[in-house]
C-alpha atoms as a PDB file:
ATOM      1  CA  UNK A   1    -123.214  87.595  36.523  1.00  0.00           C
ATOM      2  CA  UNK A   2    -121.075  87.075  39.554  1.00  0.00           C
ATOM      3  CA  UNK A   3    -118.157  84.695  39.944  1.00  0.00           C
ATOM      4  CA  UNK A   4    -118.767  80.995  39.193  1.00  0.00           C
ATOM      5  CA  UNK A   5    -120.193  78.872  41.992  1.00  0.00           C
ATOM      6  CA  UNK A   6    -119.010  75.560  40.512  1.00  0.00           C
ATOM      7  CA  UNK A   7    -115.870  74.576  38.610  1.00  0.00           C
ATOM      8  CA  UNK A   8    -115.507  71.040  37.286  1.00  0.00           C
ATOM      9  CA  UNK A   9    -112.201  69.529  36.214  1.00  0.00           C
ATOM     10  CA  UNK A  10    -112.230  66.270  34.248  1.00  0.00           C
ATOM     11  CA  UNK A  11    -109.473  63.703  33.847  1.00  0.00           C
ATOM     12  CA  UNK A  12    -110.275  61.798  30.659  1.00  0.00           C
ATOM     13  CA  UNK A  13    -107.562  59.229  31.318  1.00  0.00           C
ATOM     14  CA  UNK A  14    -108.906  58.418  34.787  1.00  0.00           C
ATOM     15  CA  UNK A  15    -112.548  58.849  33.680  1.00  0.00           C
ATOM     16  CA  UNK A  16    -113.180  61.052  36.697  1.00  0.00           C
ATOM     17  CA  UNK A  17    -114.077  64.614  37.628  1.00  0.00           C
ATOM     18  CA  UNK A  18    -113.358  66.900  40.551  1.00  0.00           C
ATOM     19  CA  UNK A  19    -115.365  69.948  41.586  1.00  0.00           C
ATOM     20  CA  UNK A  20    -114.625  73.138  43.436  1.00  0.00           C
ATOM     21  CA  UNK A  21    -117.493  75.134  44.920  1.00  0.00           C
ATOM     22  CA  UNK A  22    -117.966  78.729  45.952  1.00  0.00           C
ATOM     23  CA  UNK A  23    -120.314  79.523  48.799  1.00  0.00           C
ATOM     24  CA  UNK A  24    -123.162  81.893  48.082  1.00  0.00           C
ATOM     25  CA  UNK A  25    -126.515  82.787  49.550  1.00  0.00           C
ATOM     26  CA  UNK A  26    -128.699  80.641  47.286  1.00  0.00           C
ATOM     27  CA  UNK A  27    -131.337  78.348  48.780  1.00  0.00           C
ATOM     28  CA  UNK A  28    -130.761  74.607  48.360  1.00  0.00           C
ATOM     29  CA  UNK A  29    -133.569  74.234  45.812  1.00  0.00           C
ATOM     30  CA  UNK A  30    -131.708  76.515  43.402  1.00  0.00           C
ATOM     31  CA  UNK A  31    -128.839  74.005  43.337  1.00  0.00           C
ATOM     32  CA  UNK A  32    -131.297  71.291  42.297  1.00  0.00           C
ATOM     33  CA  UNK A  33    -132.377  73.472  39.380  1.00  0.00           C
ATOM     34  CA  UNK A  34    -128.746  74.199  38.500  1.00  0.00           C
ATOM     35  CA  UNK A  35    -127.856  70.488  38.502  1.00  0.00           C
ATOM     36  CA  UNK A  36    -130.752  69.585  36.202  1.00  0.00           C
ATOM     37  CA  UNK A  37    -130.039  72.528  33.892  1.00  0.00           C
ATOM     38  CA  UNK A  38    -126.420  71.383  33.708  1.00  0.00           C
ATOM     39  CA  UNK A  39    -127.548  67.863  32.742  1.00  0.00           C
ATOM     40  CA  UNK A  40    -129.759  69.329  30.003  1.00  0.00           C
ATOM     41  CA  UNK A  41    -126.935  71.504  28.686  1.00  0.00           C
ATOM     42  CA  UNK A  42    -124.566  68.534  28.577  1.00  0.00           C
ATOM     43  CA  UNK A  43    -127.154  66.493  26.674  1.00  0.00           C
ATOM     44  CA  UNK A  44    -127.638  69.337  24.196  1.00  0.00           C
ATOM     45  CA  UNK A  45    -123.868  69.657  23.743  1.00  0.00           C
ATOM     46  CA  UNK A  46    -123.635  65.945  22.917  1.00  0.00           C
ATOM     47  CA  UNK A  47    -126.480  66.363  20.426  1.00  0.00           C
ATOM     48  CA  UNK A  48    -125.098  69.467  18.740  1.00  0.00           C
ATOM     49  CA  UNK A  49    -121.426  68.534  18.675  1.00  0.00           C
ATOM     50  CA  UNK A  50    -121.442  64.741  18.741  1.00  0.00           C
ATOM     51  CA  UNK A  51    -124.477  63.770  16.726  1.00  0.00           C
ATOM     52  CA  UNK A  52    -126.196  62.021  19.636  1.00  0.00           C
ATOM     53  CA  UNK A  53    -129.907  62.084  20.439  1.00  0.00           C
ATOM     54  CA  UNK A  54    -130.405  64.712  23.148  1.00  0.00           C
ATOM     55  CA  UNK A  55    -133.225  62.861  24.945  1.00  0.00           C
ATOM     56  CA  UNK A  56    -131.225  59.614  25.013  1.00  0.00           C
ATOM     57  CA  UNK A  57    -128.163  61.342  26.431  1.00  0.00           C
ATOM     58  CA  UNK A  58    -130.260  63.061  29.099  1.00  0.00           C
ATOM     59  CA  UNK A  59    -131.819  59.701  30.010  1.00  0.00           C
ATOM     60  CA  UNK A  60    -128.367  58.149  30.482  1.00  0.00           C
ATOM     61  CA  UNK A  61    -127.204  61.121  32.588  1.00  0.00           C
ATOM     62  CA  UNK A  62    -130.273  60.829  34.819  1.00  0.00           C
ATOM     63  CA  UNK A  63    -129.885  57.034  35.085  1.00  0.00           C
ATOM     64  CA  UNK A  64    -126.340  57.441  36.378  1.00  0.00           C
ATOM     65  CA  UNK A  65    -127.332  60.380  38.576  1.00  0.00           C
ATOM     66  CA  UNK A  66    -129.855  58.083  40.275  1.00  0.00           C
ATOM     67  CA  UNK A  67    -127.315  55.240  40.520  1.00  0.00           C
ATOM     68  CA  UNK A  68    -124.723  57.542  42.073  1.00  0.00           C
ATOM     69  CA  UNK A  69    -127.332  58.920  44.452  1.00  0.00           C
ATOM     70  CA  UNK A  70    -128.287  55.400  45.552  1.00  0.00           C
ATOM     71  CA  UNK A  71    -124.708  54.128  45.858  1.00  0.00           C
ATOM     72  CA  UNK A  72    -121.994  56.800  45.776  1.00  0.00           C
ATOM     73  CA  UNK A  73    -118.818  55.657  44.041  1.00  0.00           C
ATOM     74  CA  UNK A  74    -116.574  57.977  46.045  1.00  0.00           C
ATOM     75  CA  UNK A  75    -116.375  60.025  49.205  1.00  0.00           C
ATOM     76  CA  UNK A  76    -117.290  63.688  48.882  1.00  0.00           C
ATOM     77  CA  UNK A  77    -114.496  66.100  49.661  1.00  0.00           C
ATOM     78  CA  UNK A  78    -115.383  69.775  49.748  1.00  0.00           C
ATOM     79  CA  UNK A  79    -112.946  71.896  47.763  1.00  0.00           C
ATOM     80  CA  UNK A  80    -113.900  75.544  48.077  1.00  0.00           C
ATOM     81  CA  UNK A  81    -113.164  78.201  45.466  1.00  0.00           C
ATOM     82  CA  UNK A  82    -113.151  80.717  48.293  1.00  0.00           C
ATOM     83  CA  UNK A  83    -109.905  79.357  49.731  1.00  0.00           C
END
């Protein structure tokens, strides 16, 4: 494994997250796979450590993914790990 390509920092009080990205030579479709795999891993974490139904959590994640895609709630600012 190489260095991470994504770091996510969450502020529970503000109910928000910030990301930093590292550039690499992956095609764009790989990022789509990474994003969906991340959603699945989060859903599994909720199921294993919070007692939630994994499929229900994944459905909520995807619902809000689609909502955010349709109407972004914030401007995207690129914060690079490379800097």
